[in-house]
Amino acid sequence: MPATHVLVPVKALGLAKSRLSHVLDPAARESLVLAMLQDTVTAALSAGDVTVTVVTADERVAAAALDCGADVLPDPVRPDSPDPLNSALLAAARRAREHAPGAELVALQADLPSLRPEDFVLARETARRTGTAVVVDHTASGTTALLHCVSGTLPPLSFGPGSAGRHIDAGAYPVPDSLPGLRLDVDTPDDLAAALQLGVGPATAAVLDTVEFPLCHPCDSAAGSRRSATMNS
């Protein structure tokens, strides 16, 4: 099978996770973003024959990505671009195609602290059967992963509100498996509480042990860390 190259876009830390602002202060939100990125990248790399490129203009994000084994592409898109997310992903996909024309390409959200390697593998198997597959998020409207296994072509990138329907309309096959950790991107306090129930990766658990989060207690996040150690073993 060809190698799988995962593209993970991450915005500047100061702009991230504003919907958590009423439960976490700016420093805690930034630490959480970095931790979720690390757990997401680590899980993807553990899926086998996977490389990861994080696309970002933020130096702290870049350093965290490098620390957990990812490559970094400085975001080539201006912040005032009309569609910075998809433009950045498209630039990264084109770069990946130049270096590895036959690679499988995956656009993956960075805020999946409960992601299990086996969930990624199952989604990739669907894409290998269908050509292009989409993982619809837990709200049934967004996209957490778009997997494209058609050699030499670019994925039909259309991230943003309501992206799942657009990706399906463009030909992506919706992954039917449950895959709760791959569907649960964390944007709100309820999302974070749900991730803790599933079990989060060790980086996220460590951050949540040090902050005042009303739905989280140290014993909960420690349990999440233990569950993640089991799921990543």
C-alpha atoms as a PDB file:
ATOM      1  CA  MET A   1       0.000   0.000   0.000  1.00  0.00           C
ATOM      2  CA  PRO A   2       1.202   3.586  -0.624  1.00  0.00           C
ATOM      3  CA  ALA A   3       2.200   5.749   2.311  1.00  0.00           C
ATOM      4  CA  THR A   4      -0.402   7.958   3.954  1.00  0.00           C
ATOM      5  CA  HIS A   5       0.382  11.647   4.359  1.00  0.00           C
ATOM      6  CA  VAL A   6      -1.729  13.545   6.868  1.00  0.00           C
ATOM      7  CA  LEU A   7      -2.209  17.319   6.673  1.00  0.00           C
ATOM      8  CA  VAL A   8      -3.186  19.072   9.907  1.00  0.00           C
ATOM      9  CA  PRO A   9      -4.005  22.804   9.772  1.00  0.00           C
ATOM     10  CA  VAL A  10      -3.677  24.812  12.987  1.00  0.00           C
ATOM     11  CA  LYS A  11      -4.522  28.493  13.354  1.00  0.00           C
ATOM     12  CA  ALA A  12      -2.605  30.926  15.550  1.00  0.00           C
ATOM     13  CA  LEU A  13      -2.940  30.065  19.237  1.00  0.00           C
ATOM     14  CA  GLY A  14      -4.417  33.438  20.113  1.00  0.00           C
ATOM     15  CA  LEU A  15      -7.360  32.760  17.799  1.00  0.00           C
ATOM     16  CA  ALA A  16      -8.041  29.183  18.859  1.00  0.00           C
ATOM     17  CA  LYS A  17     -10.944  27.715  20.831  1.00  0.00           C
ATOM     18  CA  SER A  18     -12.822  30.921  21.585  1.00  0.00           C
ATOM     19  CA  ARG A  19     -15.904  28.898  22.552  1.00  0.00           C
ATOM     20  CA  LEU A  20     -14.000  27.641  25.590  1.00  0.00           C
ATOM     21  CA  SER A  21     -13.250  31.192  26.741  1.00  0.00           C
ATOM     22  CA  HIS A  22     -15.879  31.223  29.494  1.00  0.00           C
ATOM     23  CA  VAL A  23     -14.376  28.146  31.188  1.00  0.00           C
ATOM     24  CA  LEU A  24     -10.653  28.419  30.379  1.00  0.00           C
ATOM     25  CA  ASP A  25      -8.398  31.470  30.436  1.00  0.00           C
ATOM     26  CA  PRO A  26      -6.278  32.282  27.357  1.00  0.00           C
ATOM     27  CA  ALA A  27      -3.149  30.538  28.666  1.00  0.00           C
ATOM     28  CA  ALA A  28      -5.089  27.368  29.480  1.00  0.00           C
ATOM     29  CA  ARG A  29      -6.783  27.375  26.066  1.00  0.00           C
ATOM     30  CA  GLU A  30      -3.442  27.705  24.324  1.00  0.00           C
ATOM     31  CA  SER A  31      -1.979  24.845  26.361  1.00  0.00           C
ATOM     32  CA  LEU A  32      -5.016  22.720  25.564  1.00  0.00           C
ATOM     33  CA  VAL A  33      -4.729  23.411  21.828  1.00  0.00           C
ATOM     34  CA  LEU A  34      -1.084  22.331  21.834  1.00  0.00           C
ATOM     35  CA  ALA A  35      -1.857  19.215  23.868  1.00  0.00           C
ATOM     36  CA  MET A  36      -4.750  18.136  21.643  1.00  0.00           C
ATOM     37  CA  LEU A  37      -2.543  18.641  18.597  1.00  0.00           C
ATOM     38  CA  GLN A  38       0.137  16.436  20.125  1.00  0.00           C
ATOM     39  CA  ASP A  39      -2.338  13.678  20.967  1.00  0.00           C
ATOM     40  CA  THR A  40      -3.921  13.878  17.509  1.00  0.00           C
ATOM     41  CA  VAL A  41      -0.575  13.706  15.703  1.00  0.00           C
ATOM     42  CA  THR A  42       0.705  10.901  17.928  1.00  0.00           C
ATOM     43  CA  ALA A  43      -2.397   8.796  17.285  1.00  0.00           C
ATOM     44  CA  ALA A  44      -2.194   9.342  13.523  1.00  0.00           C
ATOM     45  CA  LEU A  45       1.497   8.441  13.423  1.00  0.00           C
ATOM     46  CA  SER A  46       0.714   5.265  15.362  1.00  0.00           C
ATOM     47  CA  ALA A  47      -1.665   4.072  12.617  1.00  0.00           C
ATOM     48  CA  GLY A  48       1.206   2.694  10.541  1.00  0.00           C
ATOM     49  CA  ASP A  49       3.033   3.991   7.451  1.00  0.00           C
ATOM     50  CA  VAL A  50       1.874   7.542   8.171  1.00  0.00           C
ATOM     51  CA  THR A  51       3.653  10.875   7.948  1.00  0.00           C
ATOM     52  CA  VAL A  52       2.163  14.127   9.219  1.00  0.00           C
ATOM     53  CA  THR A  53       2.605  17.737   8.168  1.00  0.00           C
ATOM     54  CA  VAL A  54       1.221  20.473  10.402  1.00  0.00           C
ATOM     55  CA  VAL A  55       0.370  23.661   8.514  1.00  0.00           C
ATOM     56  CA  THR A  56       0.662  26.712  10.736  1.00  0.00           C
ATOM     57  CA  ALA A  57       2.006  30.230  11.036  1.00  0.00           C
ATOM     58  CA  ASP A  58       2.389  29.923  14.813  1.00  0.00           C
ATOM     59  CA  GLU A  59       5.894  29.222  16.136  1.00  0.00           C
ATOM     60  CA  ARG A  60       4.675  27.489  19.309  1.00  0.00           C
ATOM     61  CA  VAL A  61       2.407  25.223  17.298  1.00  0.00           C
ATOM     62  CA  ALA A  62       5.294  24.423  14.970  1.00  0.00           C
ATOM     63  CA  ALA A  63       7.559  23.537  17.895  1.00  0.00           C
ATOM     64  CA  ALA A  64       4.922  21.256  19.433  1.00  0.00           C
ATOM     65  CA  ALA A  65       4.379  19.525  16.085  1.00  0.00           C
ATOM     66  CA  LEU A  66       8.085  18.892  15.615  1.00  0.00           C
ATOM     67  CA  ASP A  67       8.356  17.549  19.167  1.00  0.00           C
ATOM     68  CA  CYS A  68       5.846  14.789  18.446  1.00  0.00           C
ATOM     69  CA  GLY A  69       7.308  13.729  15.107  1.00  0.00           C
ATOM     70  CA  ALA A  70       5.450  15.818  12.529  1.00  0.00           C
ATOM     71  CA  ASP A  71       6.875  17.968   9.778  1.00  0.00           C
ATOM     72  CA  VAL A  72       5.865  21.627   9.607  1.00  0.00           C
ATOM     73  CA  LEU A  73       4.813  23.725   6.631  1.00  0.00           C
ATOM     74  CA  PRO A  74       4.672  27.457   7.374  1.00  0.00           C
ATOM     75  CA  ASP A  75       1.174  28.548   6.433  1.00  0.00           C
ATOM     76  CA  PRO A  76       1.544  30.169   2.993  1.00  0.00           C
ATOM     77  CA  VAL A  77      -1.883  31.821   3.058  1.00  0.00           C
ATOM     78  CA  ARG A  78      -2.526  35.383   4.213  1.00  0.00           C
ATOM     79  CA  PRO A  79      -4.799  35.615   7.284  1.00  0.00           C
ATOM     80  CA  ASP A  80      -7.166  37.915   5.370  1.00  0.00           C
ATOM     81  CA  SER A  81      -7.669  35.339   2.614  1.00  0.00           C
ATOM     82  CA  PRO A  82     -11.372  34.679   1.930  1.00  0.00           C
ATOM     83  CA  ASP A  83     -10.845  30.962   2.651  1.00  0.00           C
ATOM     84  CA  PRO A  84      -7.634  30.538   4.666  1.00  0.00           C
ATOM     85  CA  LEU A  85      -8.320  27.002   5.900  1.00  0.00           C
ATOM     86  CA  ASN A  86      -8.967  25.328   2.563  1.00  0.00           C
ATOM     87  CA  SER A  87      -6.331  27.445   0.832  1.00  0.00           C
ATOM     88  CA  ALA A  88      -3.709  26.307   3.352  1.00  0.00           C
ATOM     89  CA  LEU A  89      -4.755  22.675   2.996  1.00  0.00           C
ATOM     90  CA  LEU A  90      -4.691  22.909  -0.787  1.00  0.00           C
ATOM     91  CA  ALA A  91      -1.175  24.360  -0.726  1.00  0.00           C
ATOM     92  CA  ALA A  92      -0.051  21.555   1.573  1.00  0.00           C
ATOM     93  CA  ALA A  93      -1.735  18.915  -0.595  1.00  0.00           C
ATOM     94  CA  ARG A  94      -0.027  20.240  -3.717  1.00  0.00           C
ATOM     95  CA  ARG A  95       3.324  20.184  -1.948  1.00  0.00           C
ATOM     96  CA  ALA A  96       2.713  16.606  -0.821  1.00  0.00           C
ATOM     97  CA  ARG A  97       1.803  15.579  -4.367  1.00  0.00           C
ATOM     98  CA  GLU A  98       5.051  17.079  -5.671  1.00  0.00           C
ATOM     99  CA  HIS A  99       7.084  14.986  -3.248  1.00  0.00           C
ATOM    100  CA  ALA A 100       4.971  11.802  -3.323  1.00  0.00           C
ATOM    101  CA  PRO A 101       2.567  11.621  -6.288  1.00  0.00           C
ATOM    102  CA  GLY A 102       1.127   8.278  -5.197  1.00  0.00           C
ATOM    103  CA  ALA A 103       0.628   9.023  -1.513  1.00  0.00           C
ATOM    104  CA  GLU A 104      -2.746   8.823   0.158  1.00  0.00           C
ATOM    105  CA  LEU A 105      -3.718  12.282   1.438  1.00  0.00           C
ATOM    106  CA  VAL A 106      -5.687  12.944   4.602  1.00  0.00           C
ATOM    107  CA  ALA A 107      -6.861  16.333   5.856  1.00  0.00           C
ATOM    108  CA  LEU A 108      -7.301  15.926   9.600  1.00  0.00           C
ATOM    109  CA  GLN A 109      -8.560  18.284  12.286  1.00  0.00           C
ATOM    110  CA  ALA A 110      -6.098  19.062  15.089  1.00  0.00           C
ATOM    111  CA  ASP A 111      -8.517  18.866  18.022  1.00  0.00           C
ATOM    112  CA  LEU A 112      -9.161  15.126  18.361  1.00  0.00           C
ATOM    113  CA  PRO A 113      -7.758  14.248  21.810  1.00  0.00           C
ATOM    114  CA  SER A 114      -9.646  10.930  21.953  1.00  0.00           C
ATOM    115  CA  LEU A 115      -8.442   9.715  18.550  1.00  0.00           C
ATOM    116  CA  ARG A 116      -7.414   6.052  18.492  1.00  0.00           C
ATOM    117  CA  PRO A 117      -5.005   4.726  15.865  1.00  0.00           C
ATOM    118  CA  GLU A 118      -7.424   1.918  15.060  1.00  0.00           C
ATOM    119  CA  ASP A 119     -10.169   4.454  14.268  1.00  0.00           C
ATOM    120  CA  PHE A 120      -7.849   6.127  11.779  1.00  0.00           C
ATOM    121  CA  VAL A 121      -7.024   2.747  10.232  1.00  0.00           C
ATOM    122  CA  LEU A 122     -10.712   1.881   9.762  1.00  0.00           C
ATOM    123  CA  ALA A 123     -11.430   5.227   8.101  1.00  0.00           C
ATOM    124  CA  ARG A 124      -8.429   4.771   5.819  1.00  0.00           C
ATOM    125  CA  GLU A 125      -9.671   1.327   4.804  1.00  0.00           C
ATOM    126  CA  THR A 126     -12.972   2.887   3.728  1.00  0.00           C
ATOM    127  CA  ALA A 127     -11.108   5.462   1.636  1.00  0.00           C
ATOM    128  CA  ARG A 128      -9.008   2.751   0.019  1.00  0.00           C
ATOM    129  CA  ARG A 129     -12.185   0.964  -1.049  1.00  0.00           C
ATOM    130  CA  THR A 130     -14.052   4.050  -2.235  1.00  0.00           C
ATOM    131  CA  GLY A 131     -11.359   6.478  -3.378  1.00  0.00           C
ATOM    132  CA  THR A 132     -12.357   9.338  -1.099  1.00  0.00           C
ATOM    133  CA  ALA A 133     -14.013   9.133   2.311  1.00  0.00           C
ATOM    134  CA  VAL A 134     -15.252  11.684   4.818  1.00  0.00           C
ATOM    135  CA  VAL A 135     -15.577  11.322   8.581  1.00  0.00           C
ATOM    136  CA  VAL A 136     -18.620  13.330   9.629  1.00  0.00           C
ATOM    137  CA  ASP A 137     -18.216  14.935  13.044  1.00  0.00           C
ATOM    138  CA  HIS A 138     -20.335  14.311  16.135  1.00  0.00           C
ATOM    139  CA  THR A 139     -22.667  17.187  15.221  1.00  0.00           C
ATOM    140  CA  ALA A 140     -23.492  15.449  11.905  1.00  0.00           C
ATOM    141  CA  SER A 141     -22.587  18.577   9.935  1.00  0.00           C
ATOM    142  CA  GLY A 142     -18.831  19.121  10.014  1.00  0.00           C
ATOM    143  CA  THR A 143     -15.821  17.104   8.890  1.00  0.00           C
ATOM    144  CA  THR A 144     -13.056  15.790  11.120  1.00  0.00           C
ATOM    145  CA  ALA A 145     -11.170  13.951   8.368  1.00  0.00           C
ATOM    146  CA  LEU A 146     -11.185  13.822   4.584  1.00  0.00           C
ATOM    147  CA  LEU A 147      -9.255  10.843   3.231  1.00  0.00           C
ATOM    148  CA  HIS A 148      -8.247  10.732  -0.439  1.00  0.00           C
ATOM    149  CA  CYS A 149      -6.657   7.616  -1.927  1.00  0.00           C
ATOM    150  CA  VAL A 150      -6.732   8.474  -5.640  1.00  0.00           C
ATOM    151  CA  SER A 151      -3.144   8.662  -6.848  1.00  0.00           C
ATOM    152  CA  GLY A 152      -1.988  11.879  -8.488  1.00  0.00           C
ATOM    153  CA  THR A 153      -5.112  13.905  -7.707  1.00  0.00           C
ATOM    154  CA  LEU A 154      -6.074  16.409  -5.020  1.00  0.00           C
ATOM    155  CA  PRO A 155      -8.843  15.925  -2.452  1.00  0.00           C
ATOM    156  CA  PRO A 156     -12.082  17.938  -2.826  1.00  0.00           C
ATOM    157  CA  LEU A 157     -11.370  20.246   0.114  1.00  0.00           C
ATOM    158  CA  SER A 158     -14.389  22.144   1.434  1.00  0.00           C
ATOM    159  CA  PHE A 159     -13.891  22.519   5.187  1.00  0.00           C
ATOM    160  CA  GLY A 160     -15.934  24.989   7.195  1.00  0.00           C
ATOM    161  CA  PRO A 161     -19.503  25.063   8.565  1.00  0.00           C
ATOM    162  CA  GLY A 162     -21.640  22.374   6.941  1.00  0.00           C
ATOM    163  CA  SER A 163     -18.625  20.798   5.250  1.00  0.00           C
ATOM    164  CA  ALA A 164     -19.783  17.195   5.570  1.00  0.00           C
ATOM    165  CA  GLY A 165     -22.598  17.694   3.083  1.00  0.00           C
ATOM    166  CA  ARG A 166     -20.322  19.479   0.626  1.00  0.00           C
ATOM    167  CA  HIS A 167     -17.709  16.743   0.831  1.00  0.00           C
ATOM    168  CA  ILE A 168     -20.351  14.074   0.256  1.00  0.00           C
ATOM    169  CA  ASP A 169     -21.797  16.035  -2.667  1.00  0.00           C
ATOM    170  CA  ALA A 170     -18.276  16.199  -4.131  1.00  0.00           C
ATOM    171  CA  GLY A 171     -18.064  12.406  -4.096  1.00  0.00           C
ATOM    172  CA  ALA A 172     -16.628  11.528  -0.688  1.00  0.00           C
ATOM    173  CA  TYR A 173     -18.088   8.383   0.850  1.00  0.00           C
ATOM    174  CA  PRO A 174     -19.241   8.823   4.469  1.00  0.00           C
ATOM    175  CA  VAL A 175     -17.338   6.454   6.749  1.00  0.00           C
ATOM    176  CA  PRO A 176     -20.002   4.221   8.329  1.00  0.00           C
ATOM    177  CA  ASP A 177     -18.078   2.975  11.378  1.00  0.00           C
ATOM    178  CA  SER A 178     -18.763   4.438  14.816  1.00  0.00           C
ATOM    179  CA  LEU A 179     -15.220   5.774  15.423  1.00  0.00           C
ATOM    180  CA  PRO A 180     -16.201   8.062  18.333  1.00  0.00           C
ATOM    181  CA  GLY A 181     -12.691   9.359  18.925  1.00  0.00           C
ATOM    182  CA  LEU A 182     -12.298  10.362  15.287  1.00  0.00           C
ATOM    183  CA  ARG A 183     -15.677  12.100  15.170  1.00  0.00           C
ATOM    184  CA  LEU A 184     -15.289  14.133  18.372  1.00  0.00           C
ATOM    185  CA  ASP A 185     -13.526  17.412  17.638  1.00  0.00           C
ATOM    186  CA  VAL A 186     -13.396  19.627  20.709  1.00  0.00           C
ATOM    187  CA  ASP A 187     -14.818  23.136  20.384  1.00  0.00           C
ATOM    188  CA  THR A 188     -17.076  23.552  23.433  1.00  0.00           C
ATOM    189  CA  PRO A 189     -17.042  22.599  27.131  1.00  0.00           C
ATOM    190  CA  ASP A 190     -19.543  19.828  26.390  1.00  0.00           C
ATOM    191  CA  ASP A 191     -17.232  18.465  23.690  1.00  0.00           C
ATOM    192  CA  LEU A 192     -14.346  18.443  26.142  1.00  0.00           C
ATOM    193  CA  ALA A 193     -16.431  16.656  28.763  1.00  0.00           C
ATOM    194  CA  ALA A 194     -17.441  14.054  26.169  1.00  0.00           C
ATOM    195  CA  ALA A 195     -13.798  13.556  25.200  1.00  0.00           C
ATOM    196  CA  LEU A 196     -12.904  12.942  28.829  1.00  0.00           C
ATOM    197  CA  GLN A 197     -15.596  10.284  29.000  1.00  0.00           C
ATOM    198  CA  LEU A 198     -14.080   8.560  25.969  1.00  0.00           C
ATOM    199  CA  GLY A 199     -10.550   8.923  27.300  1.00  0.00           C
ATOM    200  CA  VAL A 200      -8.061  11.526  26.132  1.00  0.00           C
ATOM    201  CA  GLY A 201      -4.420  11.233  25.203  1.00  0.00           C
ATOM    202  CA  PRO A 202      -1.671  11.835  27.764  1.00  0.00           C
ATOM    203  CA  ALA A 203      -0.813  15.378  26.677  1.00  0.00           C
ATOM    204  CA  THR A 204      -4.427  16.536  26.991  1.00  0.00           C
ATOM    205  CA  ALA A 205      -4.842  14.729  30.304  1.00  0.00           C
ATOM    206  CA  ALA A 206      -1.726  16.400  31.683  1.00  0.00           C
ATOM    207  CA  VAL A 207      -2.995  19.871  30.770  1.00  0.00           C
ATOM    208  CA  LEU A 208      -6.426  19.261  32.248  1.00  0.00           C
ATOM    209  CA  ASP A 209      -4.821  18.118  35.497  1.00  0.00           C
ATOM    210  CA  THR A 210      -3.362  21.607  35.909  1.00  0.00           C
ATOM    211  CA  VAL A 211      -6.294  23.890  35.050  1.00  0.00           C
ATOM    212  CA  GLU A 212      -9.590  24.797  36.665  1.00  0.00           C
ATOM    213  CA  PHE A 213     -12.180  23.324  34.330  1.00  0.00           C
ATOM    214  CA  PRO A 214     -15.662  22.926  35.869  1.00  0.00           C
ATOM    215  CA  LEU A 215     -16.373  19.603  34.172  1.00  0.00           C
ATOM    216  CA  CYS A 216     -12.968  18.093  34.848  1.00  0.00           C
ATOM    217  CA  HIS A 217     -11.268  16.782  37.965  1.00  0.00           C
ATOM    218  CA  PRO A 218      -7.712  15.443  38.188  1.00  0.00           C
ATOM    219  CA  CYS A 219      -8.893  11.894  38.749  1.00  0.00           C
ATOM    220  CA  ASP A 220     -11.026  12.070  35.582  1.00  0.00           C
ATOM    221  CA  SER A 221      -8.215  13.250  33.339  1.00  0.00           C
ATOM    222  CA  ALA A 222      -5.779  10.799  34.891  1.00  0.00           C
ATOM    223  CA  ALA A 223      -8.219   8.027  34.049  1.00  0.00           C
ATOM    224  CA  GLY A 224      -8.381   9.401  30.520  1.00  0.00           C
ATOM    225  CA  SER A 225      -4.612   9.269  30.334  1.00  0.00           C
ATOM    226  CA  ARG A 226      -4.609   5.650  31.459  1.00  0.00           C
ATOM    227  CA  ARG A 227      -7.237   4.782  28.847  1.00  0.00           C
ATOM    228  CA  SER A 228      -5.225   6.521  26.142  1.00  0.00           C
ATOM    229  CA  ALA A 229      -2.088   4.651  27.168  1.00  0.00           C
ATOM    230  CA  THR A 230      -4.038   1.433  26.700  1.00  0.00           C
ATOM    231  CA  MET A 231      -5.528   2.426  23.348  1.00  0.00           C
ATOM    232  CA  ASN A 232      -2.153   3.545  21.973  1.00  0.00           C
ATOM    233  CA  SER A 233      -0.273   0.458  23.098  1.00  0.00           C
END
